Amino acid sequence: VEGTSLAKFQDNPQWKTVVCKLFVQSKGSVHVLLGEYEISR
């Protein structure tokens, strides 16, 4: 997300809650979902 300064970034309406889906893959396996994590602010 872009902003002009740190102070203005925190008020940016585009800075919404983000989640991360974490996958693992090994030795030719398919990607396996390990979990979904909310990114802190």
PDB file of all heavy atoms in Angstrom:
ATOM      1  N   VAL A   1       0.856  -1.185   0.000  1.00  0.00           N
ATOM      2  CA  VAL A   1       0.000   0.000   0.000  1.00  0.00           C
ATOM      3  C   VAL A   1       0.890   1.231   0.000  1.00  0.00           C
ATOM      4  O   VAL A   1       1.874   1.301   0.725  1.00  0.00           O
ATOM      5  CB  VAL A   1      -0.928  -0.001   1.242  1.00  0.00           C
ATOM      6  CG1 VAL A   1      -1.775   1.251   1.290  1.00  0.00           C
ATOM      7  CG2 VAL A   1      -1.807  -1.241   1.230  1.00  0.00           C
ATOM      8  N   GLU A   2       0.516   2.220  -0.834  1.00  0.00           N
ATOM      9  CA  GLU A   2       1.301   3.456  -0.941  1.00  0.00           C
ATOM     10  C   GLU A   2       0.697   4.567  -0.110  1.00  0.00           C
ATOM     11  O   GLU A   2      -0.519   4.650   0.049  1.00  0.00           O
ATOM     12  CB  GLU A   2       1.357   3.925  -2.406  1.00  0.00           C
ATOM     13  CG  GLU A   2       2.444   3.293  -3.198  1.00  0.00           C
ATOM     14  CD  GLU A   2       2.618   3.930  -4.571  1.00  0.00           C
ATOM     15  OE1 GLU A   2       2.317   5.131  -4.746  1.00  0.00           O
ATOM     16  OE2 GLU A   2       3.059   3.207  -5.468  1.00  0.00           O
ATOM     17  N   GLY A   3       1.599   5.427   0.362  1.00  0.00           N
ATOM     18  CA  GLY A   3       1.208   6.639   1.069  1.00  0.00           C
ATOM     19  C   GLY A   3       2.298   7.675   0.859  1.00  0.00           C
ATOM     20  O   GLY A   3       3.283   7.424   0.170  1.00  0.00           O
ATOM     21  N   THR A   4       2.136   8.835   1.461  1.00  0.00           N
ATOM     22  CA  THR A   4       3.163   9.868   1.316  1.00  0.00           C
ATOM     23  C   THR A   4       4.045   9.980   2.543  1.00  0.00           C
ATOM     24  O   THR A   4       5.174  10.446   2.454  1.00  0.00           O
ATOM     25  CB  THR A   4       2.515  11.243   1.023  1.00  0.00           C
ATOM     26  OG1 THR A   4       1.584  11.535   2.058  1.00  0.00           O
ATOM     27  CG2 THR A   4       1.825  11.225  -0.334  1.00  0.00           C
ATOM     28  N   SER A   5       3.517   9.565   3.704  1.00  0.00           N
ATOM     29  CA  SER A   5       4.309   9.602   4.936  1.00  0.00           C
ATOM     30  C   SER A   5       3.730   8.564   5.894  1.00  0.00           C
ATOM     31  O   SER A   5       2.617   8.081   5.697  1.00  0.00           O
ATOM     32  CB  SER A   5       4.273  10.984   5.573  1.00  0.00           C
ATOM     33  OG  SER A   5       2.977  11.247   6.083  1.00  0.00           O
ATOM     34  N   LEU A   6       4.475   8.287   6.935  1.00  0.00           N
ATOM     35  CA  LEU A   6       4.008   7.315   7.914  1.00  0.00           C
ATOM     36  C   LEU A   6       2.725   7.797   8.584  1.00  0.00           C
ATOM     37  O   LEU A   6       1.777   7.027   8.766  1.00  0.00           O
ATOM     38  CB  LEU A   6       5.105   7.070   8.959  1.00  0.00           C
ATOM     39  CG  LEU A   6       4.880   5.923   9.922  1.00  0.00           C
ATOM     40  CD1 LEU A   6       4.610   4.628   9.185  1.00  0.00           C
ATOM     41  CD2 LEU A   6       6.074   5.771  10.832  1.00  0.00           C
ATOM     42  N   ALA A   7       2.657   9.089   8.936  1.00  0.00           N
ATOM     43  CA  ALA A   7       1.461   9.641   9.588  1.00  0.00           C
ATOM     44  C   ALA A   7       0.233   9.520   8.681  1.00  0.00           C
ATOM     45  O   ALA A   7      -0.852   9.162   9.133  1.00  0.00           O
ATOM     46  CB  ALA A   7       1.705  11.097   9.960  1.00  0.00           C
ATOM     47  N   LYS A   8       0.399   9.814   7.408  1.00  0.00           N
ATOM     48  CA  LYS A   8      -0.735   9.753   6.486  1.00  0.00           C
ATOM     49  C   LYS A   8      -1.074   8.310   6.098  1.00  0.00           C
ATOM     50  O   LYS A   8      -2.200   8.013   5.717  1.00  0.00           O
ATOM     51  CB  LYS A   8      -0.451  10.588   5.246  1.00  0.00           C
ATOM     52  CG  LYS A   8      -0.438  12.060   5.569  1.00  0.00           C
ATOM     53  CD  LYS A   8      -0.394  12.905   4.348  1.00  0.00           C
ATOM     54  CE  LYS A   8      -0.427  14.363   4.790  1.00  0.00           C
ATOM     55  NZ  LYS A   8      -0.422  15.280   3.707  1.00  0.00           N
ATOM     56  N   PHE A   9      -0.096   7.434   6.191  1.00  0.00           N
ATOM     57  CA  PHE A   9      -0.327   6.038   5.838  1.00  0.00           C
ATOM     58  C   PHE A   9      -1.364   5.413   6.767  1.00  0.00           C
ATOM     59  O   PHE A   9      -2.251   4.686   6.331  1.00  0.00           O
ATOM     60  CB  PHE A   9       0.980   5.248   5.918  1.00  0.00           C
ATOM     61  CG  PHE A   9       0.850   3.843   5.409  1.00  0.00           C
ATOM     62  CD1 PHE A   9       1.043   3.555   4.077  1.00  0.00           C
ATOM     63  CD2 PHE A   9       0.507   2.809   6.260  1.00  0.00           C
ATOM     64  CE1 PHE A   9       0.914   2.271   3.605  1.00  0.00           C
ATOM     65  CE2 PHE A   9       0.373   1.517   5.797  1.00  0.00           C
ATOM     66  CZ  PHE A   9       0.573   1.244   4.469  1.00  0.00           C
ATOM     67  N   GLN A  10      -1.257   5.706   8.045  1.00  0.00           N
ATOM     68  CA  GLN A  10      -2.162   5.097   9.010  1.00  0.00           C
ATOM     69  C   GLN A  10      -3.610   5.541   8.821  1.00  0.00           C
ATOM     70  O   GLN A  10      -4.521   4.864   9.256  1.00  0.00           O
ATOM     71  CB  GLN A  10      -1.665   5.375  10.424  1.00  0.00           C
ATOM     72  CG  GLN A  10      -0.350   4.660  10.670  1.00  0.00           C
ATOM     73  CD  GLN A  10       0.316   5.042  11.978  1.00  0.00           C
ATOM     74  OE1 GLN A  10       0.087   6.110  12.506  1.00  0.00           O
ATOM     75  NE2 GLN A  10       1.154   4.152  12.475  1.00  0.00           N
ATOM     76  N   ASP A  11      -3.819   6.669   8.145  1.00  0.00           N
ATOM     77  CA  ASP A  11      -5.171   7.149   7.843  1.00  0.00           C
ATOM     78  C   ASP A  11      -5.618   6.764   6.434  1.00  0.00           C
ATOM     79  O   ASP A  11      -6.718   7.116   6.018  1.00  0.00           O
ATOM     80  CB  ASP A  11      -5.242   8.675   7.979  1.00  0.00           C
ATOM     81  CG  ASP A  11      -4.999   9.122   9.408  1.00  0.00           C
ATOM     82  OD1 ASP A  11      -5.348   8.358  10.333  1.00  0.00           O
ATOM     83  OD2 ASP A  11      -4.444  10.223   9.596  1.00  0.00           O
ATOM     84  N   ASN A  12      -4.774   6.043   5.702  1.00  0.00           N
ATOM     85  CA  ASN A  12      -5.070   5.682   4.315  1.00  0.00           C
ATOM     86  C   ASN A  12      -6.198   4.641   4.279  1.00  0.00           C
ATOM     87  O   ASN A  12      -6.083   3.581   4.877  1.00  0.00           O
ATOM     88  CB  ASN A  12      -3.791   5.112   3.666  1.00  0.00           C
ATOM     89  CG  ASN A  12      -3.949   4.865   2.190  1.00  0.00           C
ATOM     90  OD1 ASN A  12      -5.051   4.696   1.684  1.00  0.00           O
ATOM     91  ND2 ASN A  12      -2.834   4.828   1.497  1.00  0.00           N
ATOM     92  N   PRO A  13      -7.314   4.940   3.582  1.00  0.00           N
ATOM     93  CA  PRO A  13      -8.419   3.981   3.526  1.00  0.00           C
ATOM     94  C   PRO A  13      -8.059   2.694   2.782  1.00  0.00           C
ATOM     95  O   PRO A  13      -8.747   1.691   2.917  1.00  0.00           O
ATOM     96  CB  PRO A  13      -9.535   4.747   2.811  1.00  0.00           C
ATOM     97  CG  PRO A  13      -8.863   5.855   2.094  1.00  0.00           C
ATOM     98  CD  PRO A  13      -7.609   6.168   2.845  1.00  0.00           C
ATOM     99  N   GLN A  14      -6.986   2.712   2.010  1.00  0.00           N
ATOM    100  CA  GLN A  14      -6.559   1.496   1.300  1.00  0.00           C
ATOM    101  C   GLN A  14      -5.821   0.526   2.231  1.00  0.00           C
ATOM    102  O   GLN A  14      -5.603  -0.625   1.872  1.00  0.00           O
ATOM    103  CB  GLN A  14      -5.651   1.848   0.125  1.00  0.00           C
ATOM    104  CG  GLN A  14      -6.366   2.541  -0.990  1.00  0.00           C
ATOM    105  CD  GLN A  14      -5.439   2.848  -2.140  1.00  0.00           C
ATOM    106  OE1 GLN A  14      -4.237   3.022  -1.974  1.00  0.00           O
ATOM    107  NE2 GLN A  14      -5.997   2.911  -3.335  1.00  0.00           N
ATOM    108  N   TRP A  15      -5.439   0.991   3.416  1.00  0.00           N
ATOM    109  CA  TRP A  15      -4.730   0.134   4.361  1.00  0.00           C
ATOM    110  C   TRP A  15      -5.761  -0.656   5.160  1.00  0.00           C
ATOM    111  O   TRP A  15      -6.179  -0.271   6.232  1.00  0.00           O
ATOM    112  CB  TRP A  15      -3.828   0.964   5.265  1.00  0.00           C
ATOM    113  CG  TRP A  15      -2.874   0.126   6.050  1.00  0.00           C
ATOM    114  CD1 TRP A  15      -2.197  -0.971   5.619  1.00  0.00           C
ATOM    115  CD2 TRP A  15      -2.495   0.322   7.404  1.00  0.00           C
ATOM    116  NE1 TRP A  15      -1.404  -1.467   6.628  1.00  0.00           N
ATOM    117  CE2 TRP A  15      -1.576  -0.693   7.735  1.00  0.00           C
ATOM    118  CE3 TRP A  15      -2.833   1.249   8.374  1.00  0.00           C
ATOM    119  CZ2 TRP A  15      -0.996  -0.801   8.987  1.00  0.00           C
ATOM    120  CZ3 TRP A  15      -2.248   1.141   9.620  1.00  0.00           C
ATOM    121  CH2 TRP A  15      -1.332   0.124   9.925  1.00  0.00           C
ATOM    122  N   LYS A  16      -6.188  -1.773   4.584  1.00  0.00           N
ATOM    123  CA  LYS A  16      -7.214  -2.618   5.176  1.00  0.00           C
ATOM    124  C   LYS A  16      -6.566  -3.882   5.746  1.00  0.00           C
ATOM    125  O   LYS A  16      -5.380  -4.134   5.532  1.00  0.00           O
ATOM    126  CB  LYS A  16      -8.253  -2.995   4.114  1.00  0.00           C
ATOM    127  CG  LYS A  16      -8.940  -1.797   3.477  1.00  0.00           C
ATOM    128  CD  LYS A  16      -9.957  -2.216   2.450  1.00  0.00           C
ATOM    129  CE  LYS A  16      -9.271  -2.568   1.156  1.00  0.00           C
ATOM    130  NZ  LYS A  16     -10.166  -2.871   0.050  1.00  0.00           N
ATOM    131  N   THR A  17      -7.346  -4.673   6.422  1.00  0.00           N
ATOM    132  CA  THR A  17      -6.849  -5.917   7.003  1.00  0.00           C
ATOM    133  C   THR A  17      -6.389  -6.871   5.902  1.00  0.00           C
ATOM    134  O   THR A  17      -7.115  -7.109   4.931  1.00  0.00           O
ATOM    135  CB  THR A  17      -7.943  -6.595   7.851  1.00  0.00           C
ATOM    136  OG1 THR A  17      -8.350  -5.675   8.866  1.00  0.00           O
ATOM    137  CG2 THR A  17      -7.442  -7.874   8.479  1.00  0.00           C
ATOM    138  N   VAL A  18      -5.179  -7.403   6.076  1.00  0.00           N
ATOM    139  CA  VAL A  18      -4.592  -8.334   5.104  1.00  0.00           C
ATOM    140  C   VAL A  18      -4.441  -9.698   5.767  1.00  0.00           C
ATOM    141  O   VAL A  18      -4.080  -9.797   6.941  1.00  0.00           O
ATOM    142  CB  VAL A  18      -3.225  -7.821   4.608  1.00  0.00           C
ATOM    143  CG1 VAL A  18      -2.479  -8.875   3.814  1.00  0.00           C
ATOM    144  CG2 VAL A  18      -3.407  -6.570   3.768  1.00  0.00           C
ATOM    145  N   VAL A  19      -4.730 -10.741   5.000  1.00  0.00           N
ATOM    146  CA  VAL A  19      -4.504 -12.110   5.458  1.00  0.00           C
ATOM    147  C   VAL A  19      -3.473 -12.761   4.539  1.00  0.00           C
ATOM    148  O   VAL A  19      -3.316 -12.388   3.375  1.00  0.00           O
ATOM    149  CB  VAL A  19      -5.804 -12.950   5.483  1.00  0.00           C
ATOM    150  CG1 VAL A  19      -6.747 -12.455   6.545  1.00  0.00           C
ATOM    151  CG2 VAL A  19      -6.462 -12.975   4.137  1.00  0.00           C
ATOM    152  N   CYS A  20      -2.755 -13.717   5.107  1.00  0.00           N
ATOM    153  CA  CYS A  20      -1.727 -14.450   4.374  1.00  0.00           C
ATOM    154  C   CYS A  20      -2.083 -15.926   4.384  1.00  0.00           C
ATOM    155  O   CYS A  20      -2.271 -16.513   5.450  1.00  0.00           O
ATOM    156  CB  CYS A  20      -0.369 -14.232   5.037  1.00  0.00           C
ATOM    157  SG  CYS A  20       0.918 -15.303   4.373  1.00  0.00           S
ATOM    158  N   LYS A  21      -2.186 -16.514   3.200  1.00  0.00           N
ATOM    159  CA  LYS A  21      -2.337 -17.965   3.095  1.00  0.00           C
ATOM    160  C   LYS A  21      -0.934 -18.524   2.886  1.00  0.00           C
ATOM    161  O   LYS A  21      -0.234 -18.134   1.948  1.00  0.00           O
ATOM    162  CB  LYS A  21      -3.245 -18.338   1.928  1.00  0.00           C
ATOM    163  CG  LYS A  21      -4.700 -18.072   2.197  1.00  0.00           C
ATOM    164  CD  LYS A  21      -5.568 -18.641   1.106  1.00  0.00           C
ATOM    165  CE  LYS A  21      -7.027 -18.436   1.461  1.00  0.00           C
ATOM    166  NZ  LYS A  21      -7.913 -19.040   0.483  1.00  0.00           N
ATOM    167  N   LEU A  22      -0.532 -19.428   3.782  1.00  0.00           N
ATOM    168  CA  LEU A  22       0.810 -19.996   3.749  1.00  0.00           C
ATOM    169  C   LEU A  22       0.751 -21.428   3.221  1.00  0.00           C
ATOM    170  O   LEU A  22       0.024 -22.264   3.770  1.00  0.00           O
ATOM    171  CB  LEU A  22       1.424 -19.965   5.152  1.00  0.00           C
ATOM    172  CG  LEU A  22       2.851 -20.455   5.277  1.00  0.00           C
ATOM    173  CD1 LEU A  22       3.815 -19.594   4.456  1.00  0.00           C
ATOM    174  CD2 LEU A  22       3.270 -20.479   6.738  1.00  0.00           C
ATOM    175  N   PHE A  23       1.526 -21.679   2.159  1.00  0.00           N
ATOM    176  CA  PHE A  23       1.569 -22.994   1.530  1.00  0.00           C
ATOM    177  C   PHE A  23       2.983 -23.563   1.632  1.00  0.00           C
ATOM    178  O   PHE A  23       3.960 -22.818   1.700  1.00  0.00           O
ATOM    179  CB  PHE A  23       1.221 -22.893   0.031  1.00  0.00           C
ATOM    180  CG  PHE A  23      -0.172 -22.421  -0.241  1.00  0.00           C
ATOM    181  CD1 PHE A  23      -0.456 -21.066  -0.339  1.00  0.00           C
ATOM    182  CD2 PHE A  23      -1.212 -23.319  -0.413  1.00  0.00           C
ATOM    183  CE1 PHE A  23      -1.741 -20.614  -0.606  1.00  0.00           C
ATOM    184  CE2 PHE A  23      -2.496 -22.892  -0.679  1.00  0.00           C
ATOM    185  CZ  PHE A  23      -2.755 -21.531  -0.779  1.00  0.00           C
ATOM    186  N   VAL A  24       3.092 -24.893   1.604  1.00  0.00           N
ATOM    187  CA  VAL A  24       4.382 -25.578   1.555  1.00  0.00           C
ATOM    188  C   VAL A  24       4.335 -26.587   0.413  1.00  0.00           C
ATOM    189  O   VAL A  24       3.259 -27.108   0.062  1.00  0.00           O
ATOM    190  CB  VAL A  24       4.724 -26.285   2.901  1.00  0.00           C
ATOM    191  CG1 VAL A  24       3.785 -27.437   3.175  1.00  0.00           C
ATOM    192  CG2 VAL A  24       6.171 -26.743   2.926  1.00  0.00           C
ATOM    193  N   GLN A  25       5.505 -26.845  -0.154  1.00  0.00           N
ATOM    194  CA  GLN A  25       5.635 -27.819  -1.238  1.00  0.00           C
ATOM    195  C   GLN A  25       6.980 -28.496  -1.063  1.00  0.00           C
ATOM    196  O   GLN A  25       7.954 -27.867  -0.634  1.00  0.00           O
ATOM    197  CB  GLN A  25       5.545 -27.096  -2.584  1.00  0.00           C
ATOM    198  CG  GLN A  25       5.559 -27.980  -3.795  1.00  0.00           C
ATOM    199  CD  GLN A  25       6.909 -28.034  -4.462  1.00  0.00           C
ATOM    200  OE1 GLN A  25       7.743 -27.163  -4.302  1.00  0.00           O
ATOM    201  NE2 GLN A  25       7.134 -29.075  -5.205  1.00  0.00           N
ATOM    202  N   SER A  26       7.057 -29.800  -1.347  1.00  0.00           N
ATOM    203  CA  SER A  26       8.311 -30.534  -1.183  1.00  0.00           C
ATOM    204  C   SER A  26       8.430 -31.635  -2.226  1.00  0.00           C
ATOM    205  O   SER A  26       7.480 -32.383  -2.443  1.00  0.00           O
ATOM    206  CB  SER A  26       8.376 -31.155   0.213  1.00  0.00           C
ATOM    207  OG  SER A  26       9.560 -31.901   0.365  1.00  0.00           O
ATOM    208  N   LYS A  27       9.589 -31.721  -2.840  1.00  0.00           N
ATOM    209  CA  LYS A  27       9.937 -32.825  -3.741  1.00  0.00           C
ATOM    210  C   LYS A  27       8.843 -33.160  -4.746  1.00  0.00           C
ATOM    211  O   LYS A  27       8.428 -34.303  -4.873  1.00  0.00           O
ATOM    212  CB  LYS A  27      10.293 -34.067  -2.930  1.00  0.00           C
ATOM    213  CG  LYS A  27      11.476 -33.882  -2.023  1.00  0.00           C
ATOM    214  CD  LYS A  27      11.743 -35.142  -1.238  1.00  0.00           C
ATOM    215  CE  LYS A  27      12.852 -34.915  -0.248  1.00  0.00           C
ATOM    216  NZ  LYS A  27      13.047 -36.061   0.624  1.00  0.00           N
ATOM    217  N   GLY A  28       8.338 -32.174  -5.435  1.00  0.00           N
ATOM    218  CA  GLY A  28       7.363 -32.420  -6.484  1.00  0.00           C
ATOM    219  C   GLY A  28       5.930 -32.568  -6.004  1.00  0.00           C
ATOM    220  O   GLY A  28       5.046 -32.873  -6.790  1.00  0.00           O
ATOM    221  N   SER A  29       5.695 -32.365  -4.721  1.00  0.00           N
ATOM    222  CA  SER A  29       4.313 -32.469  -4.224  1.00  0.00           C
ATOM    223  C   SER A  29       3.522 -31.253  -4.691  1.00  0.00           C
ATOM    224  O   SER A  29       4.080 -30.261  -5.144  1.00  0.00           O
ATOM    225  CB  SER A  29       4.291 -32.535  -2.692  1.00  0.00           C
ATOM    226  OG  SER A  29       4.583 -31.275  -2.134  1.00  0.00           O
ATOM    227  N   VAL A  30       2.224 -31.325  -4.524  1.00  0.00           N
ATOM    228  CA  VAL A  30       1.383 -30.159  -4.781  1.00  0.00           C
ATOM    229  C   VAL A  30       1.586 -29.175  -3.629  1.00  0.00           C
ATOM    230  O   VAL A  30       2.118 -29.538  -2.583  1.00  0.00           O
ATOM    231  CB  VAL A  30      -0.106 -30.553  -4.902  1.00  0.00           C
ATOM    232  CG1 VAL A  30      -0.337 -31.476  -6.069  1.00  0.00           C
ATOM    233  CG2 VAL A  30      -0.626 -31.153  -3.616  1.00  0.00           C
ATOM    234  N   HIS A  31       1.157 -27.936  -3.812  1.00  0.00           N
ATOM    235  CA  HIS A  31       1.227 -26.958  -2.725  1.00  0.00           C
ATOM    236  C   HIS A  31       0.143 -27.291  -1.704  1.00  0.00           C
ATOM    237  O   HIS A  31      -1.022 -27.476  -2.059  1.00  0.00           O
ATOM    238  CB  HIS A  31       1.048 -25.540  -3.266  1.00  0.00           C
ATOM    239  CG  HIS A  31       2.277 -25.020  -3.919  1.00  0.00           C
ATOM    240  ND1 HIS A  31       2.601 -25.290  -5.231  1.00  0.00           N
ATOM    241  CD2 HIS A  31       3.283 -24.281  -3.435  1.00  0.00           C
ATOM    242  CE1 HIS A  31       3.751 -24.725  -5.525  1.00  0.00           C
ATOM    243  NE2 HIS A  31       4.187 -24.094  -4.451  1.00  0.00           N
ATOM    244  N   VAL A  32       0.535 -27.347  -0.440  1.00  0.00           N
ATOM    245  CA  VAL A  32      -0.360 -27.727   0.648  1.00  0.00           C
ATOM    246  C   VAL A  32      -0.577 -26.503   1.542  1.00  0.00           C
ATOM    247  O   VAL A  32       0.384 -25.892   2.001  1.00  0.00           O
ATOM    248  CB  VAL A  32       0.251 -28.883   1.469  1.00  0.00           C
ATOM    249  CG1 VAL A  32      -0.639 -29.233   2.651  1.00  0.00           C
ATOM    250  CG2 VAL A  32       0.501 -30.092   0.593  1.00  0.00           C
ATOM    251  N   LEU A  33      -1.841 -26.170   1.784  1.00  0.00           N
ATOM    252  CA  LEU A  33      -2.168 -25.040   2.646  1.00  0.00           C
ATOM    253  C   LEU A  33      -1.864 -25.396   4.095  1.00  0.00           C
ATOM    254  O   LEU A  33      -2.375 -26.377   4.627  1.00  0.00           O
ATOM    255  CB  LEU A  33      -3.646 -24.665   2.498  1.00  0.00           C
ATOM    256  CG  LEU A  33      -4.141 -23.515   3.370  1.00  0.00           C
ATOM    257  CD1 LEU A  33      -3.446 -22.206   2.995  1.00  0.00           C
ATOM    258  CD2 LEU A  33      -5.651 -23.369   3.246  1.00  0.00           C
ATOM    259  N   LEU A  34      -0.983 -24.603   4.729  1.00  0.00           N
ATOM    260  CA  LEU A  34      -0.634 -24.817   6.133  1.00  0.00           C
ATOM    261  C   LEU A  34      -1.505 -24.003   7.081  1.00  0.00           C
ATOM    262  O   LEU A  34      -1.677 -24.356   8.230  1.00  0.00           O
ATOM    263  CB  LEU A  34       0.837 -24.465   6.371  1.00  0.00           C
ATOM    264  CG  LEU A  34       1.843 -25.385   5.706  1.00  0.00           C
ATOM    265  CD1 LEU A  34       3.255 -24.851   5.872  1.00  0.00           C
ATOM    266  CD2 LEU A  34       1.737 -26.791   6.279  1.00  0.00           C
ATOM    267  N   GLY A  35      -2.006 -22.880   6.585  1.00  0.00           N
ATOM    268  CA  GLY A  35      -2.841 -22.042   7.433  1.00  0.00           C
ATOM    269  C   GLY A  35      -3.049 -20.676   6.835  1.00  0.00           C
ATOM    270  O   GLY A  35      -2.418 -20.303   5.843  1.00  0.00           O
ATOM    271  N   GLU A  36      -3.959 -19.933   7.453  1.00  0.00           N
ATOM    272  CA  GLU A  36      -4.240 -18.554   7.052  1.00  0.00           C
ATOM    273  C   GLU A  36      -4.005 -17.676   8.269  1.00  0.00           C
ATOM    274  O   GLU A  36      -4.520 -17.968   9.349  1.00  0.00           O
ATOM    275  CB  GLU A  36      -5.679 -18.440   6.560  1.00  0.00           C
ATOM    276  CG  GLU A  36      -6.011 -17.082   5.996  1.00  0.00           C
ATOM    277  CD  GLU A  36      -7.371 -17.049   5.321  1.00  0.00           C
ATOM    278  OE1 GLU A  36      -7.632 -17.897   4.450  1.00  0.00           O
ATOM    279  OE2 GLU A  36      -8.161 -16.165   5.684  1.00  0.00           O
ATOM    280  N   TYR A  37      -3.211 -16.619   8.085  1.00  0.00           N
ATOM    281  CA  TYR A  37      -2.799 -15.770   9.201  1.00  0.00           C
ATOM    282  C   TYR A  37      -3.142 -14.322   8.895  1.00  0.00           C
ATOM    283  O   TYR A  37      -2.892 -13.836   7.791  1.00  0.00           O
ATOM    284  CB  TYR A  37      -1.282 -15.897   9.426  1.00  0.00           C
ATOM    285  CG  TYR A  37      -0.857 -17.320   9.680  1.00  0.00           C
ATOM    286  CD1 TYR A  37      -0.492 -18.154   8.626  1.00  0.00           C
ATOM    287  CD2 TYR A  37      -0.851 -17.834  10.969  1.00  0.00           C
ATOM    288  CE1 TYR A  37      -0.117 -19.470   8.851  1.00  0.00           C
ATOM    289  CE2 TYR A  37      -0.474 -19.151  11.206  1.00  0.00           C
ATOM    290  CZ  TYR A  37      -0.110 -19.963  10.143  1.00  0.00           C
ATOM    291  OH  TYR A  37       0.262 -21.265  10.373  1.00  0.00           O
ATOM    292  N   GLU A  38      -3.693 -13.627   9.897  1.00  0.00           N
ATOM    293  CA  GLU A  38      -3.983 -12.203   9.746  1.00  0.00           C
ATOM    294  C   GLU A  38      -2.704 -11.420  10.008  1.00  0.00           C
ATOM    295  O   GLU A  38      -2.003 -11.669  10.989  1.00  0.00           O
ATOM    296  CB  GLU A  38      -5.071 -11.777  10.724  1.00  0.00           C
ATOM    297  CG  GLU A  38      -5.514 -10.347  10.521  1.00  0.00           C
ATOM    298  CD  GLU A  38      -6.725  -9.991  11.364  1.00  0.00           C
ATOM    299  OE1 GLU A  38      -7.749 -10.686  11.254  1.00  0.00           O
ATOM    300  OE2 GLU A  38      -6.620  -9.011  12.127  1.00  0.00           O
ATOM    301  N   ILE A  39      -2.398 -10.473   9.135  1.00  0.00           N
ATOM    302  CA  ILE A  39      -1.207  -9.639   9.282  1.00  0.00           C
ATOM    303  C   ILE A  39      -1.507  -8.534  10.292  1.00  0.00           C
ATOM    304  O   ILE A  39      -2.522  -7.844  10.179  1.00  0.00           O
ATOM    305  CB  ILE A  39      -0.781  -9.027   7.922  1.00  0.00           C
ATOM    306  CG1 ILE A  39      -0.544 -10.120   6.879  1.00  0.00           C
ATOM    307  CG2 ILE A  39       0.436  -8.138   8.086  1.00  0.00           C
ATOM    308  CD1 ILE A  39       0.539 -11.112   7.230  1.00  0.00           C
ATOM    309  N   SER A  40      -0.623  -8.378  11.277  1.00  0.00           N
ATOM    310  CA  SER A  40      -0.836  -7.341  12.292  1.00  0.00           C
ATOM    311  C   SER A  40      -0.714  -5.951  11.651  1.00  0.00           C
ATOM    312  O   SER A  40      -0.168  -5.811  10.563  1.00  0.00           O
ATOM    313  CB  SER A  40       0.172  -7.486  13.431  1.00  0.00           C
ATOM    314  OG  SER A  40       1.384  -6.877  13.101  1.00  0.00           O
ATOM    315  N   ARG A  41      -1.168  -4.945  12.347  1.00  0.00           N
ATOM    316  CA  ARG A  41      -1.087  -3.577  11.826  1.00  0.00           C
ATOM    317  C   ARG A  41       0.144  -2.862  12.363  1.00  0.00           C
ATOM    318  O   ARG A  41       0.260  -1.648  12.248  1.00  0.00           O
ATOM    319  CB  ARG A  41      -2.373  -2.839  12.144  1.00  0.00           C
ATOM    320  CG  ARG A  41      -3.507  -3.579  11.425  1.00  0.00           C
ATOM    321  CD  ARG A  41      -4.789  -2.936  11.228  1.00  0.00           C
ATOM    322  NE  ARG A  41      -4.919  -1.603  10.823  1.00  0.00           N
ATOM    323  CZ  ARG A  41      -5.286  -1.220   9.591  1.00  0.00           C
ATOM    324  NH1 ARG A  41      -5.467  -2.120   8.650  1.00  0.00           N
ATOM    325  NH2 ARG A  41      -5.467   0.037   9.319  1.00  0.00           N
TER     326      ARG A  41
END
